Amino acid sequence: MDGTGNRGMKSEAQRQMEGYPATNALTRINRRNWIRTAVGGGVGLALDGLLDLPTVRAANQKLKLANVSEFTTSCNFCSCGCGMIAAVREGKLIAMEGDYDHIVNRGSLCVKGISMFATHASPNRLKTPRYRAPGSDRWEDISWDDAVARVAQKIRKTRDATWIATEKVGDEEVPVNRTDAIGFLGGAQNTNEECYLFQKAARLLGLAYVEHQARL
């Protein structure tokens, strides 16, 4: 009997002073935890006997890559030209990642490049041209043919109204054949061949201001 009148009952502090192991950790494991552990272990052993895990993993990997075609492309957000790999299944883009073989980024992408797929799959992404008439408070969808015709008409009207055929240099009038009212802006995703054609088209229209978005 101890000093408190309790036969055989000792406090945790007294048990530790006398060299007994602590029992606090043992009291935290209740019957419910033991049941959960036993059931979970039994289910794991049962599944291990029924399933061939390596075969399941291989089948899952094969299903994930089934009917998937990969295409290389360039990120269109800036002029760095980082390479990307687009995964396409049945004509639908399903994933985009950095190209590890690309000389510029070696597979890494900035926060804009990482968000490329989310931008592509966004429900707010516009897929058709839209037009807002002067004075209107709303946009309306138009066809691509209509959009091309409107842009061509605007370019022709502006070019004709602002055309500069000659310019005086000293006492002599020299031909310049240009317009200062229209500018052309290129993009980082364009190839060298596309940029060559864009430059030709801009110069044929008489544009003096031809720029690239990376410089702005």
Protein backbone atom coordinates (compact mmCIF):
# COMPACT_ATOMS: atom_id res chain seq x y z
CA MET A 1 0.00 0.00 0.00
CA ASP A 2 1.34 3.46 -0.94
CA GLY A 3 1.06 6.68 1.04
CA THR A 4 -2.31 7.53 -0.46
CA GLY A 5 -3.98 4.33 0.73
CA ASN A 6 -4.21 2.81 -2.78
CA ARG A 7 -2.97 -0.75 -2.80
CA GLY A 8 -0.55 -1.44 -5.65
CA MET A 9 -1.33 1.81 -7.48
CA LYS A 10 1.62 4.07 -8.29
CA SER A 11 1.73 7.34 -10.14
CA GLU A 12 3.44 7.65 -13.53
CA ALA A 13 6.18 9.78 -11.97
CA GLN A 14 6.87 7.17 -9.29
CA ARG A 15 6.99 4.40 -11.92
CA GLN A 16 9.54 6.35 -13.98
CA MET A 17 11.67 7.09 -10.90
CA GLU A 18 11.75 3.37 -10.10
CA GLY A 19 12.76 2.48 -13.67
CA TYR A 20 9.44 1.31 -15.05
CA PRO A 21 8.75 2.14 -18.76
CA ALA A 22 6.31 4.95 -19.52
CA THR A 23 2.74 3.88 -20.29
CA ASN A 24 1.41 7.15 -21.79
CA ALA A 25 2.15 6.04 -25.34
CA LEU A 26 0.41 2.71 -24.78
CA THR A 27 -2.79 4.32 -23.51
CA ARG A 28 -3.11 6.33 -26.74
CA ILE A 29 -3.76 3.15 -28.76
CA ASN A 30 -7.37 2.29 -28.16
CA ARG A 31 -9.42 -0.66 -29.33
CA ARG A 32 -10.74 1.22 -32.38
CA ASN A 33 -7.22 1.90 -33.63
CA TRP A 34 -6.31 -1.76 -33.19
CA ILE A 35 -9.36 -2.82 -35.21
CA ARG A 36 -8.52 -0.38 -38.01
CA THR A 37 -4.95 -1.64 -38.18
CA ALA A 38 -6.04 -5.26 -38.23
CA VAL A 39 -8.67 -4.71 -40.93
CA GLY A 40 -6.33 -2.63 -43.09
CA GLY A 41 -3.58 -5.23 -42.85
CA GLY A 42 -5.99 -8.01 -43.72
CA VAL A 43 -7.30 -6.19 -46.78
CA GLY A 44 -3.75 -5.43 -47.93
CA LEU A 45 -2.72 -9.08 -47.60
CA ALA A 46 -5.85 -10.20 -49.45
CA LEU A 47 -5.29 -7.80 -52.36
CA ASP A 48 -1.63 -8.75 -52.59
CA GLY A 49 -2.68 -12.36 -53.09
CA LEU A 50 -5.38 -11.55 -55.67
CA LEU A 51 -3.69 -8.80 -57.74
CA ASP A 52 -0.43 -8.82 -59.64
CA LEU A 53 0.66 -5.26 -58.85
CA PRO A 54 3.43 -5.02 -61.51
CA THR A 55 0.95 -6.13 -64.18
CA VAL A 56 -1.64 -3.62 -62.96
CA ARG A 57 0.89 -0.80 -63.07
CA ALA A 58 2.01 -1.75 -66.60
CA ALA A 59 -1.60 -1.92 -67.82
CA ASN A 60 -2.37 1.45 -66.28
CA GLN A 61 0.63 3.04 -67.96
CA LYS A 62 -0.34 1.50 -71.33
CA LEU A 63 -3.92 2.76 -70.99
CA LYS A 64 -2.67 6.25 -70.11
CA LEU A 65 -0.57 6.46 -73.29
CA ALA A 66 -2.95 4.62 -75.62
CA ASN A 67 -3.74 6.45 -78.88
CA VAL A 68 -1.69 9.48 -77.79
CA SER A 69 0.39 11.42 -80.34
CA GLU A 70 3.05 13.89 -79.25
CA PHE A 71 3.98 17.04 -81.16
CA THR A 72 6.69 19.60 -80.44
CA THR A 73 5.83 23.28 -80.41
CA SER A 74 7.03 26.59 -78.97
CA CYS A 75 5.59 28.58 -76.10
CA ASN A 76 3.86 31.70 -77.43
CA PHE A 77 4.05 33.91 -74.37
CA CYS A 78 7.42 35.61 -74.92
CA SER A 79 10.45 35.64 -77.21
CA CYS A 80 12.54 33.03 -75.36
CA GLY A 81 11.29 30.29 -77.67
CA CYS A 82 10.99 27.58 -75.02
CA GLY A 83 10.12 24.16 -76.43
CA MET A 84 6.99 22.28 -75.42
CA ILE A 85 5.51 18.85 -76.08
CA ALA A 86 1.79 18.65 -76.79
CA ALA A 87 -0.03 15.35 -76.17
CA VAL A 88 -3.03 14.86 -78.46
CA ARG A 89 -5.63 12.11 -78.37
CA GLU A 90 -8.30 11.87 -81.08
CA GLY A 91 -7.65 15.44 -82.17
CA LYS A 92 -7.96 16.85 -78.65
CA LEU A 93 -5.13 18.40 -76.65
CA ILE A 94 -4.90 16.53 -73.33
CA ALA A 95 -1.58 17.72 -71.86
CA MET A 96 1.39 20.03 -72.40
CA GLU A 97 4.83 19.90 -70.84
CA GLY A 98 8.31 21.26 -71.33
CA ASP A 99 10.52 19.66 -73.98
CA TYR A 100 13.55 18.14 -72.22
CA ASP A 101 15.47 17.93 -75.52
CA HIS A 102 14.98 21.61 -76.36
CA ILE A 103 18.16 23.68 -76.30
CA VAL A 104 16.53 26.73 -74.70
CA ASN A 105 14.61 25.50 -71.67
CA ARG A 106 15.67 21.84 -71.26
CA GLY A 107 12.18 20.89 -70.11
CA SER A 108 11.63 23.70 -67.64
CA LEU A 109 8.82 26.25 -68.00
CA CYS A 110 8.01 29.55 -66.34
CA VAL A 111 4.67 30.18 -64.67
CA LYS A 112 3.19 31.40 -67.96
CA GLY A 113 4.36 28.36 -69.89
CA ILE A 114 3.06 26.01 -67.21
CA SER A 115 -0.38 27.61 -67.50
CA MET A 116 -0.48 27.04 -71.27
CA PHE A 117 -2.78 24.01 -71.07
CA ALA A 118 -5.10 25.70 -68.55
CA THR A 119 -5.36 28.68 -70.89
CA HIS A 120 -6.13 26.41 -73.83
CA ALA A 121 -8.81 24.46 -71.96
CA SER A 122 -10.37 27.48 -70.23
CA PRO A 123 -14.15 27.80 -70.76
CA ASN A 124 -13.60 31.57 -71.13
CA ARG A 125 -11.30 31.16 -74.14
CA LEU A 126 -12.66 32.79 -77.30
CA LYS A 127 -12.78 30.45 -80.30
CA THR A 128 -14.50 32.72 -82.82
CA PRO A 129 -13.93 36.37 -83.79
CA ARG A 130 -16.10 38.93 -82.02
CA TYR A 131 -17.15 42.42 -83.11
CA ARG A 132 -18.54 45.38 -81.20
CA ALA A 133 -20.15 48.02 -83.36
CA PRO A 134 -19.41 51.71 -82.66
CA GLY A 135 -21.59 52.88 -79.77
CA SER A 136 -22.70 49.35 -78.90
CA ASP A 137 -22.44 47.94 -75.38
CA ARG A 138 -22.05 44.27 -76.38
CA TRP A 139 -19.90 41.97 -78.49
CA GLU A 140 -21.30 39.70 -81.17
CA ASP A 141 -19.80 36.59 -82.75
CA ILE A 142 -18.88 36.83 -86.43
CA SER A 143 -17.43 34.34 -88.92
CA TRP A 144 -13.75 34.15 -89.83
CA ASP A 145 -14.54 35.23 -93.40
CA ASP A 146 -16.34 38.29 -92.06
CA ALA A 147 -13.44 39.11 -89.74
CA VAL A 148 -10.87 38.83 -92.57
CA ALA A 149 -13.01 41.03 -94.83
CA ARG A 150 -13.40 43.68 -92.11
CA VAL A 151 -9.65 43.78 -91.40
CA ALA A 152 -8.82 44.01 -95.13
CA GLN A 153 -11.28 46.87 -95.60
CA LYS A 154 -9.86 48.75 -92.60
CA ILE A 155 -6.29 48.33 -93.85
CA ARG A 156 -7.17 49.46 -97.37
CA LYS A 157 -9.15 52.48 -96.14
CA THR A 158 -6.44 53.60 -93.71
CA ARG A 159 -3.63 53.00 -96.21
CA ASP A 160 -5.32 55.00 -98.95
CA ALA A 161 -6.16 57.87 -96.61
CA THR A 162 -2.64 58.18 -95.17
CA TRP A 163 -0.48 57.20 -98.13
CA ILE A 164 2.77 59.15 -98.56
CA ALA A 165 4.04 58.83 -102.12
CA THR A 166 6.95 61.27 -101.99
CA GLU A 167 8.90 63.17 -99.41
CA LYS A 168 10.99 66.27 -99.83
CA VAL A 169 14.68 65.81 -99.19
CA GLY A 170 16.45 69.11 -99.55
CA ASP A 171 15.17 70.65 -102.76
CA GLU A 172 14.12 67.38 -104.34
CA GLU A 173 11.00 65.22 -104.03
CA VAL A 174 11.94 61.55 -103.61
CA PRO A 175 9.53 58.57 -103.70
CA VAL A 176 8.95 56.84 -100.35
CA ASN A 177 5.64 55.01 -100.88
CA ARG A 178 4.70 54.38 -97.26
CA THR A 179 2.05 54.88 -94.60
CA ASP A 180 2.77 55.88 -91.03
CA ALA A 181 -0.75 55.05 -89.82
CA ILE A 182 -0.38 51.25 -89.66
CA GLY A 183 2.09 49.11 -87.74
CA PHE A 184 2.84 45.38 -87.82
CA LEU A 185 3.58 43.35 -84.67
CA GLY A 186 5.16 39.89 -84.82
CA GLY A 187 5.03 37.11 -82.24
CA ALA A 188 7.50 34.80 -80.53
CA GLN A 189 5.83 31.61 -81.74
CA ASN A 190 6.34 32.42 -85.43
CA THR A 191 8.95 30.45 -87.36
CA ASN A 192 11.69 32.04 -89.47
CA GLU A 193 9.74 31.21 -92.63
CA GLU A 194 6.57 32.81 -91.28
CA CYS A 195 8.48 35.91 -90.20
CA TYR A 196 9.96 36.21 -93.72
CA LEU A 197 6.47 36.16 -95.26
CA PHE A 198 5.12 38.62 -92.68
CA GLN A 199 7.98 41.01 -93.36
CA LYS A 200 7.35 40.80 -97.12
CA ALA A 201 3.62 41.45 -96.68
CA ALA A 202 4.22 44.40 -94.37
CA ARG A 203 6.71 46.02 -96.73
CA LEU A 204 4.43 45.49 -99.75
CA LEU A 205 1.71 47.37 -97.87
CA GLY A 206 4.16 50.23 -97.33
CA LEU A 207 4.46 49.81 -93.56
CA ALA A 208 7.44 51.47 -91.94
CA TYR A 209 6.73 50.31 -88.40
CA VAL A 210 7.43 46.56 -88.17
CA GLU A 211 8.13 45.38 -84.64
CA HIS A 212 8.37 42.29 -82.48
CA GLN A 213 6.46 41.87 -79.24
CA ALA A 214 9.62 41.03 -77.27
CA ARG A 215 10.94 44.56 -77.78
CA LEU A 216 7.81 46.27 -76.44
